[in-house]
Amino acid sequence: MRIITKDLLAQVSAEARQNPRLRKNYNFHPSDESRSHRLLNAIEPESYIRPHRHLDPEKDETFILMSGRLGIIVFADDGEVLEAVLLSQASGNLAVDVPHGVYHTAVSLETGTLFFEAKAGPYRPLNEAEISTWAPEENSPQAQTFLARLRSLFD
């Protein structure tokens, strides 16, 4: 049995702050080939996750907030924002389930933000049809501007 403690959350968040991508996973599943993926995902405010979708009908994704404030954004196929949901203790929204086939991203709204993520495995890199063509690539000059626009949805 594994216990998720405040110390573990603090450790994973500290590792995210040291990571160049400003995020860090802590996996509970034994390998990328596991049929069920369960992990902690620490993400800092300047970390950009390019909007994407999972086309596999088994790859719905569940995010459960453990600490901080997290924005979840879903998009139409053309990049129009359809919904922006704030996960926080104050809002009372603590989790979301994103269906497969839906473009989405997550944005950290404060340092120390961490969520529990669950989805079907095995891990497969995103293919071209799953990556948004209307959003900038990670590490591109436009990525931080796009991230700032997404974060502003929660001001």
Protein backbone atom coordinates (compact mmCIF):
# COMPACT_ATOMS: atom_id res chain seq x y z
CA MET A 1 0.00 0.00 0.00
CA ARG A 2 1.21 3.49 -0.83
CA ILE A 3 0.14 6.54 1.11
CA ILE A 4 0.01 10.01 -0.42
CA THR A 5 1.27 12.38 2.28
CA LYS A 6 1.79 16.12 2.42
CA ASP A 7 5.53 15.41 2.51
CA LEU A 8 5.28 13.47 -0.77
CA LEU A 9 3.33 16.32 -2.38
CA ALA A 10 5.97 18.80 -1.20
CA GLN A 11 8.78 16.57 -2.53
CA VAL A 12 7.22 16.19 -6.00
CA SER A 13 6.44 19.92 -6.17
CA ALA A 14 10.04 20.76 -5.23
CA GLU A 15 11.25 18.44 -8.01
CA ALA A 16 8.92 20.20 -10.48
CA ARG A 17 10.44 23.59 -9.57
CA GLN A 18 13.91 22.17 -10.37
CA ASN A 19 12.84 20.59 -13.67
CA PRO A 20 13.39 22.68 -16.85
CA ARG A 21 9.76 21.98 -17.92
CA LEU A 22 8.55 23.07 -14.44
CA ARG A 23 6.57 19.89 -13.92
CA LYS A 24 7.16 16.43 -12.53
CA ASN A 25 5.27 13.13 -12.52
CA TYR A 26 5.36 10.63 -9.69
CA ASN A 27 4.03 7.36 -11.08
CA PHE A 28 2.20 4.71 -9.08
CA HIS A 29 1.88 2.37 -12.07
CA PRO A 30 4.88 0.06 -12.52
CA SER A 31 5.69 0.82 -16.18
CA ASP A 32 4.63 2.73 -19.29
CA GLU A 33 3.11 -0.53 -20.53
CA SER A 34 0.71 -0.79 -17.57
CA ARG A 35 -2.97 -0.87 -18.52
CA SER A 36 -3.87 1.66 -15.84
CA HIS A 37 -1.85 4.83 -15.29
CA ARG A 38 -2.08 6.55 -11.91
CA LEU A 39 0.25 9.40 -11.07
CA LEU A 40 0.83 12.62 -9.23
CA ASN A 41 1.47 15.52 -11.59
CA ALA A 42 3.13 18.63 -10.12
CA ILE A 43 3.00 21.70 -12.33
CA GLU A 44 4.29 25.22 -11.79
CA PRO A 45 2.66 28.39 -13.19
CA GLU A 46 5.13 28.94 -16.05
CA SER A 47 4.83 25.36 -17.34
CA TYR A 48 3.06 25.12 -20.70
CA ILE A 49 1.24 21.97 -21.79
CA ARG A 50 0.28 22.21 -25.44
CA PRO A 51 -3.43 21.49 -25.87
CA HIS A 52 -3.99 17.93 -27.04
CA ARG A 53 -6.54 15.14 -27.11
CA HIS A 54 -6.49 11.38 -26.77
CA LEU A 55 -8.33 9.64 -29.59
CA ASP A 56 -8.21 6.16 -28.05
CA PRO A 57 -11.75 5.53 -26.67
CA GLU A 58 -10.20 4.05 -23.52
CA LYS A 59 -8.20 7.22 -22.73
CA ASP A 60 -10.60 9.43 -20.83
CA GLU A 61 -8.54 11.35 -18.25
CA THR A 62 -9.40 12.18 -14.66
CA PHE A 63 -7.68 14.99 -12.75
CA ILE A 64 -8.13 15.31 -8.98
CA LEU A 65 -6.67 18.42 -7.34
CA MET A 66 -4.36 17.65 -4.42
CA SER A 67 -2.93 21.15 -3.79
CA GLY A 68 -2.86 24.61 -5.30
CA ARG A 69 -5.11 25.96 -8.04
CA LEU A 70 -5.46 24.37 -11.47
CA GLY A 71 -7.26 25.58 -14.57
CA ILE A 72 -8.61 22.97 -16.96
CA ILE A 73 -9.52 24.25 -20.41
CA VAL A 74 -11.34 22.36 -23.16
CA PHE A 75 -11.35 23.50 -26.77
CA ALA A 76 -13.30 23.00 -29.98
CA ASP A 77 -11.41 21.38 -32.84
CA ASP A 78 -10.55 24.86 -34.18
CA GLY A 79 -9.07 26.07 -30.86
CA GLU A 80 -12.06 28.05 -29.59
CA VAL A 81 -12.29 27.80 -25.80
CA LEU A 82 -15.43 25.87 -24.91
CA GLU A 83 -15.03 25.69 -21.16
CA ALA A 84 -12.59 26.77 -18.47
CA VAL A 85 -12.95 25.17 -15.04
CA LEU A 86 -11.07 26.27 -11.94
CA LEU A 87 -10.10 23.46 -9.59
CA SER A 88 -9.44 24.80 -6.08
CA GLN A 89 -10.49 24.24 -2.52
CA ALA A 90 -12.13 27.71 -2.53
CA SER A 91 -14.20 27.09 -5.69
CA GLY A 92 -15.35 23.68 -4.48
CA ASN A 93 -14.41 22.13 -7.85
CA LEU A 94 -11.91 19.41 -7.00
CA ALA A 95 -11.85 17.09 -10.01
CA VAL A 96 -12.72 16.79 -13.69
CA ASP A 97 -13.08 13.92 -16.09
CA VAL A 98 -12.06 14.80 -19.66
CA PRO A 99 -13.55 12.49 -22.30
CA HIS A 100 -11.35 11.05 -25.03
CA GLY A 101 -11.34 13.04 -28.26
CA VAL A 102 -11.60 16.42 -26.51
CA TYR A 103 -8.77 18.95 -26.85
CA HIS A 104 -7.68 20.07 -23.40
CA THR A 105 -4.87 21.48 -21.33
CA ALA A 106 -4.09 22.23 -17.69
CA VAL A 107 -2.58 25.45 -16.34
CA SER A 108 -1.12 25.96 -12.90
CA LEU A 109 -2.40 29.09 -11.21
CA GLU A 110 -0.09 29.03 -8.19
CA THR A 111 3.17 27.48 -7.16
CA GLY A 112 2.87 24.06 -5.57
CA THR A 113 -0.07 22.98 -7.71
CA LEU A 114 -0.36 19.22 -7.90
CA PHE A 115 -3.04 16.85 -9.13
CA PHE A 116 -3.66 13.12 -9.23
CA GLU A 117 -4.15 11.85 -12.78
CA ALA A 118 -5.67 8.57 -13.91
CA LYS A 119 -6.11 7.22 -17.43
CA ALA A 120 -5.79 4.00 -19.35
CA GLY A 121 -2.38 2.79 -20.45
CA PRO A 122 -0.19 1.84 -22.04
CA TYR A 123 1.68 5.08 -22.64
CA ARG A 124 1.93 6.05 -26.29
CA PRO A 125 3.33 9.38 -27.51
CA LEU A 126 0.71 11.68 -28.98
CA ASN A 127 0.29 11.31 -32.73
CA GLU A 128 -0.25 14.16 -35.21
CA ALA A 129 -4.05 13.90 -35.02
CA GLU A 130 -3.93 14.34 -31.23
CA ILE A 131 -1.75 17.47 -31.11
CA SER A 132 -3.40 20.84 -31.65
CA THR A 133 -2.18 22.60 -34.77
CA TRP A 134 -3.65 25.93 -33.61
CA ALA A 135 -1.56 26.19 -30.40
CA PRO A 136 2.16 26.93 -30.23
CA GLU A 137 4.69 24.19 -29.62
CA GLU A 138 6.35 23.92 -26.22
CA ASN A 139 9.48 26.09 -26.00
CA SER A 140 8.42 28.20 -29.01
CA PRO A 141 8.59 32.00 -28.67
CA GLN A 142 4.76 32.14 -28.72
CA ALA A 143 4.20 29.53 -25.99
CA GLN A 144 4.44 31.87 -22.98
CA THR A 145 2.14 34.44 -24.62
CA PHE A 146 -0.43 31.71 -25.31
CA LEU A 147 -0.05 30.41 -21.73
CA ALA A 148 -0.65 33.92 -20.35
CA ARG A 149 -3.86 34.13 -22.39
CA LEU A 150 -5.02 30.79 -20.99
CA ARG A 151 -4.17 31.80 -17.42
CA SER A 152 -6.12 35.06 -17.90
CA LEU A 153 -9.29 32.98 -18.27
CA PHE A 154 -9.10 32.51 -14.49
CA ASP A 155 -8.45 36.15 -13.42
